[in-house]
Amino acid sequence: MMTLCIRYTLDANKLADFETYTRTLQQPIERCGGKVAGYYLPTKVAGPTNIAMGLIDFPDLAAYQDYREKLLSDADAVESLRHAEAAGCILNEDRSFVRRVSS
C-alpha cells in the first residue's frame, strides 16, 4: 500500500471553495481507483492557515498511474478542478508518496 500525499498551498480567504472542491472530488477519486484516506484543512489554532493536505491510498504505483489517466478524463473530476481554478483557491500543489508504519 502506498499513499499519495498532496500538500496544498491555498488562498486562506477561499477555504470554503477548497472544501467544496475536496467534497466534489471524492467520488471521482474512488471511481477512478483511489481510496480517499482524508482531506485536511488548516486551523487557526496552530501552524500556517493556508496549508491543506489530501491523502489517497493506492495498492501500488501501477494502480496510481492507471488512476491518473482515468481521473484526467473523468467529467466530474474535470468539472471539480475547473471550479477550483476559477475560484483561485489552490495556489500550489506538492505531491509525494508516503507509506504507513505498521504497528
PDB file of N, CA and C in Angstrom:
ATOM      1  N   MET A   1       0.849  -1.183   0.000  1.00  0.00           N
ATOM      2  CA  MET A   1       0.000   0.000   0.000  1.00  0.00           C
ATOM      3  C   MET A   1       0.885   1.234   0.000  1.00  0.00           C
ATOM      4  N   MET A   2       0.504   2.206  -0.815  1.00  0.00           N
ATOM      5  CA  MET A   2       1.197   3.494  -0.814  1.00  0.00           C
ATOM      6  C   MET A   2       0.144   4.602  -0.772  1.00  0.00           C
ATOM      7  N   THR A   3       0.531   5.713  -0.198  1.00  0.00           N
ATOM      8  CA  THR A   3      -0.401   6.821  -0.033  1.00  0.00           C
ATOM      9  C   THR A   3       0.151   8.054  -0.720  1.00  0.00           C
ATOM     10  N   LEU A   4      -0.658   8.609  -1.602  1.00  0.00           N
ATOM     11  CA  LEU A   4      -0.328   9.877  -2.233  1.00  0.00           C
ATOM     12  C   LEU A   4      -0.630  10.976  -1.229  1.00  0.00           C
ATOM     13  N   CYS A   5       0.347  11.807  -0.965  1.00  0.00           N
ATOM     14  CA  CYS A   5       0.193  12.928  -0.050  1.00  0.00           C
ATOM     15  C   CYS A   5       0.260  14.204  -0.889  1.00  0.00           C
ATOM     16  N   ILE A   6      -0.851  14.926  -0.951  1.00  0.00           N
ATOM     17  CA  ILE A   6      -0.883  16.183  -1.699  1.00  0.00           C
ATOM     18  C   ILE A   6      -0.924  17.318  -0.686  1.00  0.00           C
ATOM     19  N   ARG A   7       0.103  18.149  -0.717  1.00  0.00           N
ATOM     20  CA  ARG A   7       0.174  19.312   0.173  1.00  0.00           C
ATOM     21  C   ARG A   7      -0.224  20.528  -0.657  1.00  0.00           C
ATOM     22  N   TYR A   8      -1.302  21.171  -0.239  1.00  0.00           N
ATOM     23  CA  TYR A   8      -1.839  22.314  -0.956  1.00  0.00           C
ATOM     24  C   TYR A   8      -1.464  23.608  -0.253  1.00  0.00           C
ATOM     25  N   THR A   9      -1.063  24.598  -1.024  1.00  0.00           N
ATOM     26  CA  THR A   9      -0.977  25.962  -0.529  1.00  0.00           C
ATOM     27  C   THR A   9      -2.215  26.663  -1.063  1.00  0.00           C
ATOM     28  N   LEU A  10      -2.983  27.250  -0.151  1.00  0.00           N
ATOM     29  CA  LEU A  10      -4.279  27.818  -0.502  1.00  0.00           C
ATOM     30  C   LEU A  10      -4.311  29.319  -0.307  1.00  0.00           C
ATOM     31  N   ASP A  11      -5.279  29.940  -0.937  1.00  0.00           N
ATOM     32  CA  ASP A  11      -5.640  31.306  -0.605  1.00  0.00           C
ATOM     33  C   ASP A  11      -6.462  31.184   0.682  1.00  0.00           C
ATOM     34  N   ALA A  12      -5.937  31.667   1.782  1.00  0.00           N
ATOM     35  CA  ALA A  12      -6.590  31.496   3.088  1.00  0.00           C
ATOM     36  C   ALA A  12      -7.978  32.121   3.141  1.00  0.00           C
ATOM     37  N   ASN A  13      -8.295  33.012   2.231  1.00  0.00           N
ATOM     38  CA  ASN A  13      -9.622  33.621   2.189  1.00  0.00           C
ATOM     39  C   ASN A  13     -10.623  32.790   1.392  1.00  0.00           C
ATOM     40  N   LYS A  14     -10.150  31.671   0.816  1.00  0.00           N
ATOM     41  CA  LYS A  14     -11.013  30.859  -0.033  1.00  0.00           C
ATOM     42  C   LYS A  14     -11.054  29.397   0.422  1.00  0.00           C
ATOM     43  N   LEU A  15     -10.983  29.182   1.734  1.00  0.00           N
ATOM     44  CA  LEU A  15     -11.014  27.816   2.266  1.00  0.00           C
ATOM     45  C   LEU A  15     -12.337  27.117   1.958  1.00  0.00           C
ATOM     46  N   ALA A  16     -13.431  27.857   1.948  1.00  0.00           N
ATOM     47  CA  ALA A  16     -14.733  27.250   1.643  1.00  0.00           C
ATOM     48  C   ALA A  16     -14.753  26.711   0.210  1.00  0.00           C
ATOM     49  N   ASP A  17     -14.132  27.434  -0.714  1.00  0.00           N
ATOM     50  CA  ASP A  17     -14.043  26.958  -2.098  1.00  0.00           C
ATOM     51  C   ASP A  17     -13.224  25.679  -2.181  1.00  0.00           C
ATOM     52  N   PHE A  18     -12.135  25.619  -1.423  1.00  0.00           N
ATOM     53  CA  PHE A  18     -11.307  24.415  -1.421  1.00  0.00           C
ATOM     54  C   PHE A  18     -12.069  23.246  -0.806  1.00  0.00           C
ATOM     55  N   GLU A  19     -12.803  23.503   0.258  1.00  0.00           N
ATOM     56  CA  GLU A  19     -13.582  22.444   0.889  1.00  0.00           C
ATOM     57  C   GLU A  19     -14.627  21.889  -0.085  1.00  0.00           C
ATOM     58  N   THR A  20     -15.264  22.744  -0.840  1.00  0.00           N
ATOM     59  CA  THR A  20     -16.215  22.297  -1.860  1.00  0.00           C
ATOM     60  C   THR A  20     -15.508  21.433  -2.897  1.00  0.00           C
ATOM     61  N   TYR A  21     -14.331  21.865  -3.319  1.00  0.00           N
ATOM     62  CA  TYR A  21     -13.531  21.098  -4.285  1.00  0.00           C
ATOM     63  C   TYR A  21     -13.252  19.695  -3.762  1.00  0.00           C
ATOM     64  N   THR A  22     -12.820  19.583  -2.514  1.00  0.00           N
ATOM     65  CA  THR A  22     -12.478  18.262  -1.979  1.00  0.00           C
ATOM     66  C   THR A  22     -13.712  17.376  -1.842  1.00  0.00           C
ATOM     67  N   ARG A  23     -14.833  17.966  -1.487  1.00  0.00           N
ATOM     68  CA  ARG A  23     -16.070  17.180  -1.357  1.00  0.00           C
ATOM     69  C   ARG A  23     -16.539  16.643  -2.714  1.00  0.00           C
ATOM     70  N   THR A  24     -16.449  17.481  -3.752  1.00  0.00           N
ATOM     71  CA  THR A  24     -16.912  17.051  -5.075  1.00  0.00           C
ATOM     72  C   THR A  24     -15.932  16.110  -5.758  1.00  0.00           C
ATOM     73  N   LEU A  25     -14.695  16.094  -5.312  1.00  0.00           N
ATOM     74  CA  LEU A  25     -13.676  15.263  -5.954  1.00  0.00           C
ATOM     75  C   LEU A  25     -13.628  13.846  -5.391  1.00  0.00           C
ATOM     76  N   GLN A  26     -14.194  13.617  -4.219  1.00  0.00           N
ATOM     77  CA  GLN A  26     -14.055  12.311  -3.579  1.00  0.00           C
ATOM     78  C   GLN A  26     -14.679  11.174  -4.370  1.00  0.00           C
ATOM     79  N   GLN A  27     -15.866  11.352  -4.920  1.00  0.00           N
ATOM     80  CA  GLN A  27     -16.475  10.274  -5.720  1.00  0.00           C
ATOM     81  C   GLN A  27     -15.665   9.969  -6.978  1.00  0.00           C
ATOM     82  N   PRO A  28     -15.224  10.982  -7.749  1.00  0.00           N
ATOM     83  CA  PRO A  28     -14.385  10.672  -8.903  1.00  0.00           C
ATOM     84  C   PRO A  28     -13.081   9.955  -8.521  1.00  0.00           C
ATOM     85  N   ILE A  29     -12.478  10.334  -7.406  1.00  0.00           N
ATOM     86  CA  ILE A  29     -11.254   9.668  -6.958  1.00  0.00           C
ATOM     87  C   ILE A  29     -11.528   8.188  -6.732  1.00  0.00           C
ATOM     88  N   GLU A  30     -12.593   7.887  -6.000  1.00  0.00           N
ATOM     89  CA  GLU A  30     -12.939   6.491  -5.702  1.00  0.00           C
ATOM     90  C   GLU A  30     -13.296   5.742  -6.993  1.00  0.00           C
ATOM     91  N   ARG A  31     -14.035   6.386  -7.867  1.00  0.00           N
ATOM     92  CA  ARG A  31     -14.450   5.775  -9.131  1.00  0.00           C
ATOM     93  C   ARG A  31     -13.240   5.452 -10.024  1.00  0.00           C
ATOM     94  N   CYS A  32     -12.202   6.262  -9.927  1.00  0.00           N
ATOM     95  CA  CYS A  32     -11.023   6.089 -10.785  1.00  0.00           C
ATOM     96  C   CYS A  32      -9.960   5.189 -10.158  1.00  0.00           C
ATOM     97  N   GLY A  33     -10.207   4.684  -8.948  1.00  0.00           N
ATOM     98  CA  GLY A  33      -9.301   3.700  -8.368  1.00  0.00           C
ATOM     99  C   GLY A  33      -8.541   4.108  -7.124  1.00  0.00           C
ATOM    100  N   GLY A  34      -8.700   5.333  -6.657  1.00  0.00           N
ATOM    101  CA  GLY A  34      -8.062   5.750  -5.412  1.00  0.00           C
ATOM    102  C   GLY A  34      -8.994   5.525  -4.236  1.00  0.00           C
ATOM    103  N   LYS A  35      -8.426   5.479  -3.044  1.00  0.00           N
ATOM    104  CA  LYS A  35      -9.236   5.375  -1.823  1.00  0.00           C
ATOM    105  C   LYS A  35      -8.873   6.566  -0.952  1.00  0.00           C
ATOM    106  N   VAL A  36      -9.814   7.476  -0.779  1.00  0.00           N
ATOM    107  CA  VAL A  36      -9.547   8.692  -0.020  1.00  0.00           C
ATOM    108  C   VAL A  36      -9.341   8.348   1.446  1.00  0.00           C
ATOM    109  N   ALA A  37      -8.142   8.634   1.944  1.00  0.00           N
ATOM    110  CA  ALA A  37      -7.849   8.453   3.369  1.00  0.00           C
ATOM    111  C   ALA A  37      -8.306   9.687   4.138  1.00  0.00           C
ATOM    112  N   GLY A  38      -8.313  10.845   3.473  1.00  0.00           N
ATOM    113  CA  GLY A  38      -8.812  12.055   4.100  1.00  0.00           C
ATOM    114  C   GLY A  38      -8.256  13.313   3.468  1.00  0.00           C
ATOM    115  N   TYR A  39      -9.014  14.374   3.613  1.00  0.00           N
ATOM    116  CA  TYR A  39      -8.564  15.723   3.269  1.00  0.00           C
ATOM    117  C   TYR A  39      -8.589  16.524   4.558  1.00  0.00           C
ATOM    118  N   TYR A  40      -7.594  17.371   4.741  1.00  0.00           N
ATOM    119  CA  TYR A  40      -7.446  18.114   5.992  1.00  0.00           C
ATOM    120  C   TYR A  40      -7.236  19.593   5.701  1.00  0.00           C
ATOM    121  N   LEU A  41      -8.050  20.417   6.342  1.00  0.00           N
ATOM    122  CA  LEU A  41      -7.955  21.862   6.220  1.00  0.00           C
ATOM    123  C   LEU A  41      -7.136  22.432   7.369  1.00  0.00           C
ATOM    124  N   PRO A  42      -6.550  23.599   7.176  1.00  0.00           N
ATOM    125  CA  PRO A  42      -5.797  24.223   8.269  1.00  0.00           C
ATOM    126  C   PRO A  42      -6.738  24.745   9.358  1.00  0.00           C
ATOM    127  N   THR A  43      -6.166  24.972  10.510  1.00  0.00           N
ATOM    128  CA  THR A  43      -6.909  25.572  11.612  1.00  0.00           C
ATOM    129  C   THR A  43      -6.232  26.886  11.994  1.00  0.00           C
ATOM    130  N   LYS A  44      -6.893  27.649  12.819  1.00  0.00           N
ATOM    131  CA  LYS A  44      -6.292  28.882  13.322  1.00  0.00           C
ATOM    132  C   LYS A  44      -5.627  28.653  14.673  1.00  0.00           C
ATOM    133  N   VAL A  45      -5.619  27.398  15.127  1.00  0.00           N
ATOM    134  CA  VAL A  45      -5.072  27.072  16.439  1.00  0.00           C
ATOM    135  C   VAL A  45      -3.546  27.052  16.413  1.00  0.00           C
ATOM    136  N   ALA A  46      -2.977  26.429  15.381  1.00  0.00           N
ATOM    137  CA  ALA A  46      -1.525  26.328  15.309  1.00  0.00           C
ATOM    138  C   ALA A  46      -1.110  26.107  13.853  1.00  0.00           C
ATOM    139  N   GLY A  47       0.059  26.574  13.508  1.00  0.00           N
ATOM    140  CA  GLY A  47       0.598  26.344  12.173  1.00  0.00           C
ATOM    141  C   GLY A  47       0.041  27.305  11.140  1.00  0.00           C
ATOM    142  N   PRO A  48       0.485  27.124   9.899  1.00  0.00           N
ATOM    143  CA  PRO A  48       0.025  28.011   8.826  1.00  0.00           C
ATOM    144  C   PRO A  48      -1.474  27.849   8.564  1.00  0.00           C
ATOM    145  N   THR A  49      -2.112  28.934   8.196  1.00  0.00           N
ATOM    146  CA  THR A  49      -3.553  28.896   7.945  1.00  0.00           C
ATOM    147  C   THR A  49      -3.873  28.765   6.456  1.00  0.00           C
ATOM    148  N   ASN A  50      -2.852  28.474   5.653  1.00  0.00           N
ATOM    149  CA  ASN A  50      -3.082  28.346   4.213  1.00  0.00           C
ATOM    150  C   ASN A  50      -2.547  27.023   3.648  1.00  0.00           C
ATOM    151  N   ILE A  51      -2.315  26.049   4.498  1.00  0.00           N
ATOM    152  CA  ILE A  51      -1.801  24.750   4.067  1.00  0.00           C
ATOM    153  C   ILE A  51      -2.849  23.677   4.363  1.00  0.00           C
ATOM    154  N   ALA A  52      -3.174  22.885   3.342  1.00  0.00           N
ATOM    155  CA  ALA A  52      -4.111  21.770   3.492  1.00  0.00           C
ATOM    156  C   ALA A  52      -3.436  20.507   2.978  1.00  0.00           C
ATOM    157  N   MET A  53      -4.047  19.357   3.259  1.00  0.00           N
ATOM    158  CA  MET A  53      -3.452  18.094   2.855  1.00  0.00           C
ATOM    159  C   MET A  53      -4.531  17.128   2.407  1.00  0.00           C
ATOM    160  N   GLY A  54      -4.218  16.359   1.381  1.00  0.00           N
ATOM    161  CA  GLY A  54      -5.074  15.279   0.928  1.00  0.00           C
ATOM    162  C   GLY A  54      -4.279  13.987   0.905  1.00  0.00           C
ATOM    163  N   LEU A  55      -4.860  12.912   1.387  1.00  0.00           N
ATOM    164  CA  LEU A  55      -4.212  11.602   1.414  1.00  0.00           C
ATOM    165  C   LEU A  55      -5.090  10.609   0.666  1.00  0.00           C
ATOM    166  N   ILE A  56      -4.484   9.946  -0.333  1.00  0.00           N
ATOM    167  CA  ILE A  56      -5.216   8.987  -1.159  1.00  0.00           C
ATOM    168  C   ILE A  56      -4.395   7.707  -1.247  1.00  0.00           C
ATOM    169  N   ASP A  57      -5.011   6.578  -0.917  1.00  0.00           N
ATOM    170  CA  ASP A  57      -4.331   5.277  -0.905  1.00  0.00           C
ATOM    171  C   ASP A  57      -4.445   4.561  -2.245  1.00  0.00           C
ATOM    172  N   PHE A  58      -3.354   3.844  -2.587  1.00  0.00           N
ATOM    173  CA  PHE A  58      -3.286   3.000  -3.774  1.00  0.00           C
ATOM    174  C   PHE A  58      -2.536   1.726  -3.409  1.00  0.00           C
ATOM    175  N   PRO A  59      -2.902   0.591  -4.041  1.00  0.00           N
ATOM    176  CA  PRO A  59      -2.189  -0.652  -3.740  1.00  0.00           C
ATOM    177  C   PRO A  59      -0.736  -0.627  -4.214  1.00  0.00           C
ATOM    178  N   ASP A  60      -0.469   0.073  -5.337  1.00  0.00           N
ATOM    179  CA  ASP A  60       0.893   0.121  -5.882  1.00  0.00           C
ATOM    180  C   ASP A  60       0.995   1.255  -6.901  1.00  0.00           C
ATOM    181  N   LEU A  61       2.188   1.457  -7.433  1.00  0.00           N
ATOM    182  CA  LEU A  61       2.434   2.548  -8.377  1.00  0.00           C
ATOM    183  C   LEU A  61       1.639   2.372  -9.668  1.00  0.00           C
ATOM    184  N   ALA A  62       1.508   1.145 -10.143  1.00  0.00           N
ATOM    185  CA  ALA A  62       0.735   0.891 -11.367  1.00  0.00           C
ATOM    186  C   ALA A  62      -0.713   1.336 -11.197  1.00  0.00           C
ATOM    187  N   ALA A  63      -1.296   1.078 -10.031  1.00  0.00           N
ATOM    188  CA  ALA A  63      -2.674   1.492  -9.762  1.00  0.00           C
ATOM    189  C   ALA A  63      -2.780   3.018  -9.761  1.00  0.00           C
ATOM    190  N   TYR A  64      -1.770   3.691  -9.227  1.00  0.00           N
ATOM    191  CA  TYR A  64      -1.762   5.156  -9.230  1.00  0.00           C
ATOM    192  C   TYR A  64      -1.703   5.689 -10.658  1.00  0.00           C
ATOM    193  N   GLN A  65      -0.850   5.104 -11.466  1.00  0.00           N
ATOM    194  CA  GLN A  65      -0.715   5.566 -12.853  1.00  0.00           C
ATOM    195  C   GLN A  65      -2.023   5.375 -13.620  1.00  0.00           C
ATOM    196  N   ASP A  66      -2.687   4.250 -13.404  1.00  0.00           N
ATOM    197  CA  ASP A  66      -3.980   3.990 -14.032  1.00  0.00           C
ATOM    198  C   ASP A  66      -5.011   5.017 -13.547  1.00  0.00           C
ATOM    199  N   TYR A  67      -4.999   5.299 -12.261  1.00  0.00           N
ATOM    200  CA  TYR A  67      -5.900   6.283 -11.658  1.00  0.00           C
ATOM    201  C   TYR A  67      -5.709   7.662 -12.299  1.00  0.00           C
ATOM    202  N   ARG A  68      -4.465   8.084 -12.463  1.00  0.00           N
ATOM    203  CA  ARG A  68      -4.180   9.408 -13.039  1.00  0.00           C
ATOM    204  C   ARG A  68      -4.780   9.536 -14.435  1.00  0.00           C
ATOM    205  N   GLU A  69      -4.613   8.505 -15.241  1.00  0.00           N
ATOM    206  CA  GLU A  69      -5.179   8.531 -16.598  1.00  0.00           C
ATOM    207  C   GLU A  69      -6.698   8.638 -16.550  1.00  0.00           C
ATOM    208  N   LYS A  70      -7.323   7.839 -15.701  1.00  0.00           N
ATOM    209  CA  LYS A  70      -8.782   7.851 -15.596  1.00  0.00           C
ATOM    210  C   LYS A  70      -9.289   9.187 -15.055  1.00  0.00           C
ATOM    211  N   LEU A  71      -8.607   9.720 -14.032  1.00  0.00           N
ATOM    212  CA  LEU A  71      -9.058  10.955 -13.396  1.00  0.00           C
ATOM    213  C   LEU A  71      -9.019  12.132 -14.369  1.00  0.00           C
ATOM    214  N   LEU A  72      -8.004  12.162 -15.218  1.00  0.00           N
ATOM    215  CA  LEU A  72      -7.869  13.262 -16.167  1.00  0.00           C
ATOM    216  C   LEU A  72      -8.994  13.297 -17.203  1.00  0.00           C
ATOM    217  N   SER A  73      -9.658  12.155 -17.390  1.00  0.00           N
ATOM    218  CA  SER A  73     -10.750  12.122 -18.365  1.00  0.00           C
ATOM    219  C   SER A  73     -12.128  11.957 -17.703  1.00  0.00           C
ATOM    220  N   ASP A  74     -12.169  11.943 -16.381  1.00  0.00           N
ATOM    221  CA  ASP A  74     -13.438  11.828 -15.664  1.00  0.00           C
ATOM    222  C   ASP A  74     -14.140  13.191 -15.675  1.00  0.00           C
ATOM    223  N   ALA A  75     -15.346  13.238 -16.226  1.00  0.00           N
ATOM    224  CA  ALA A  75     -16.063  14.512 -16.380  1.00  0.00           C
ATOM    225  C   ALA A  75     -16.275  15.230 -15.045  1.00  0.00           C
ATOM    226  N   ASP A  76     -16.630  14.498 -13.997  1.00  0.00           N
ATOM    227  CA  ASP A  76     -16.848  15.131 -12.691  1.00  0.00           C
ATOM    228  C   ASP A  76     -15.550  15.677 -12.096  1.00  0.00           C
ATOM    229  N   ALA A  77     -14.460  14.946 -12.274  1.00  0.00           N
ATOM    230  CA  ALA A  77     -13.165  15.410 -11.769  1.00  0.00           C
ATOM    231  C   ALA A  77     -12.718  16.662 -12.515  1.00  0.00           C
ATOM    232  N   VAL A  78     -12.894  16.659 -13.817  1.00  0.00           N
ATOM    233  CA  VAL A  78     -12.527  17.824 -14.633  1.00  0.00           C
ATOM    234  C   VAL A  78     -13.349  19.039 -14.216  1.00  0.00           C
ATOM    235  N   GLU A  79     -14.633  18.833 -13.976  1.00  0.00           N
ATOM    236  CA  GLU A  79     -15.509  19.934 -13.548  1.00  0.00           C
ATOM    237  C   GLU A  79     -15.106  20.454 -12.165  1.00  0.00           C
ATOM    238  N   SER A  80     -14.767  19.568 -11.244  1.00  0.00           N
ATOM    239  CA  SER A  80     -14.315  19.990  -9.906  1.00  0.00           C
ATOM    240  C   SER A  80     -13.069  20.851 -10.003  1.00  0.00           C
ATOM    241  N   LEU A  81     -12.122  20.410 -10.820  1.00  0.00           N
ATOM    242  CA  LEU A  81     -10.882  21.171 -10.991  1.00  0.00           C
ATOM    243  C   LEU A  81     -11.162  22.524 -11.647  1.00  0.00           C
ATOM    244  N   ARG A  82     -12.055  22.540 -12.616  1.00  0.00           N
ATOM    245  CA  ARG A  82     -12.404  23.793 -13.287  1.00  0.00           C
ATOM    246  C   ARG A  82     -12.965  24.808 -12.282  1.00  0.00           C
ATOM    247  N   HIS A  83     -13.833  24.344 -11.380  1.00  0.00           N
ATOM    248  CA  HIS A  83     -14.389  25.230 -10.355  1.00  0.00           C
ATOM    249  C   HIS A  83     -13.303  25.737  -9.407  1.00  0.00           C
ATOM    250  N   ALA A  84     -12.397  24.847  -9.006  1.00  0.00           N
ATOM    251  CA  ALA A  84     -11.314  25.258  -8.103  1.00  0.00           C
ATOM    252  C   ALA A  84     -10.405  26.282  -8.778  1.00  0.00           C
ATOM    253  N   GLU A  85     -10.101  26.051 -10.046  1.00  0.00           N
ATOM    254  CA  GLU A  85      -9.255  27.001 -10.772  1.00  0.00           C
ATOM    255  C   GLU A  85      -9.948  28.346 -10.926  1.00  0.00           C
ATOM    256  N   ALA A  86     -11.243  28.333 -11.240  1.00  0.00           N
ATOM    257  CA  ALA A  86     -11.997  29.580 -11.379  1.00  0.00           C
ATOM    258  C   ALA A  86     -12.064  30.342 -10.060  1.00  0.00           C
ATOM    259  N   ALA A  87     -12.175  29.606  -8.959  1.00  0.00           N
ATOM    260  CA  ALA A  87     -12.230  30.239  -7.632  1.00  0.00           C
ATOM    261  C   ALA A  87     -10.869  30.767  -7.203  1.00  0.00           C
ATOM    262  N   GLY A  88      -9.791  30.166  -7.728  1.00  0.00           N
ATOM    263  CA  GLY A  88      -8.449  30.595  -7.340  1.00  0.00           C
ATOM    264  C   GLY A  88      -8.065  30.188  -5.932  1.00  0.00           C
ATOM    265  N   CYS A  89      -8.677  29.122  -5.429  1.00  0.00           N
ATOM    266  CA  CYS A  89      -8.411  28.720  -4.043  1.00  0.00           C
ATOM    267  C   CYS A  89      -7.091  27.966  -3.890  1.00  0.00           C
ATOM    268  N   ILE A  90      -6.638  27.255  -4.911  1.00  0.00           N
ATOM    269  CA  ILE A  90      -5.392  26.487  -4.838  1.00  0.00           C
ATOM    270  C   ILE A  90      -4.282  27.286  -5.505  1.00  0.00           C
ATOM    271  N   LEU A  91      -3.260  27.609  -4.730  1.00  0.00           N
ATOM    272  CA  LEU A  91      -2.126  28.364  -5.256  1.00  0.00           C
ATOM    273  C   LEU A  91      -0.997  27.438  -5.710  1.00  0.00           C
ATOM    274  N   ASN A  92      -0.867  26.291  -5.035  1.00  0.00           N
ATOM    275  CA  ASN A  92       0.197  25.347  -5.362  1.00  0.00           C
ATOM    276  C   ASN A  92      -0.164  23.960  -4.832  1.00  0.00           C
ATOM    277  N   GLU A  93       0.305  22.925  -5.539  1.00  0.00           N
ATOM    278  CA  GLU A  93       0.148  21.537  -5.095  1.00  0.00           C
ATOM    279  C   GLU A  93       1.517  20.880  -5.098  1.00  0.00           C
ATOM    280  N   ASP A  94       1.799  20.154  -4.055  1.00  0.00           N
ATOM    281  CA  ASP A  94       3.051  19.410  -3.917  1.00  0.00           C
ATOM    282  C   ASP A  94       2.689  17.953  -3.682  1.00  0.00           C
ATOM    283  N   ARG A  95       3.126  17.046  -4.543  1.00  0.00           N
ATOM    284  CA  ARG A  95       2.757  15.629  -4.422  1.00  0.00           C
ATOM    285  C   ARG A  95       3.958  14.790  -4.028  1.00  0.00           C
ATOM    286  N   SER A  96       3.712  13.851  -3.127  1.00  0.00           N
ATOM    287  CA  SER A  96       4.745  12.873  -2.756  1.00  0.00           C
ATOM    288  C   SER A  96       4.023  11.597  -2.305  1.00  0.00           C
ATOM    289  N   PHE A  97       4.779  10.536  -2.194  1.00  0.00           N
ATOM    290  CA  PHE A  97       4.220   9.275  -1.683  1.00  0.00           C
ATOM    291  C   PHE A  97       4.805   8.979  -0.326  1.00  0.00           C
ATOM    292  N   VAL A  98       3.952   8.464   0.534  1.00  0.00           N
ATOM    293  CA  VAL A  98       4.386   8.035   1.866  1.00  0.00           C
ATOM    294  C   VAL A  98       3.836   6.635   2.080  1.00  0.00           C
ATOM    295  N   ARG A  99       4.390   5.959   3.066  1.00  0.00           N
ATOM    296  CA  ARG A  99       3.862   4.634   3.422  1.00  0.00           C
ATOM    297  C   ARG A  99       3.602   4.591   4.911  1.00  0.00           C
ATOM    298  N   ARG A 100       2.572   3.852   5.284  1.00  0.00           N
ATOM    299  CA  ARG A 100       2.201   3.719   6.691  1.00  0.00           C
ATOM    300  C   ARG A 100       3.206   2.837   7.417  1.00  0.00           C
ATOM    301  N   VAL A 101       3.463   3.198   8.638  1.00  0.00           N
ATOM    302  CA  VAL A 101       4.266   2.350   9.511  1.00  0.00           C
ATOM    303  C   VAL A 101       3.311   1.391  10.193  1.00  0.00           C
ATOM    304  N   SER A 102       3.560   0.107  10.045  1.00  0.00           N
ATOM    305  CA  SER A 102       2.662  -0.860  10.689  1.00  0.00           C
ATOM    306  C   SER A 102       2.981  -0.964  12.163  1.00  0.00           C
ATOM    307  N   SER A 103       1.928  -1.212  12.936  1.00  0.00           N
ATOM    308  CA  SER A 103       2.107  -1.281  14.402  1.00  0.00           C
ATOM    309  C   SER A 103       2.459  -2.664  14.861  1.00  0.00           C
TER     310      SER A 103
END
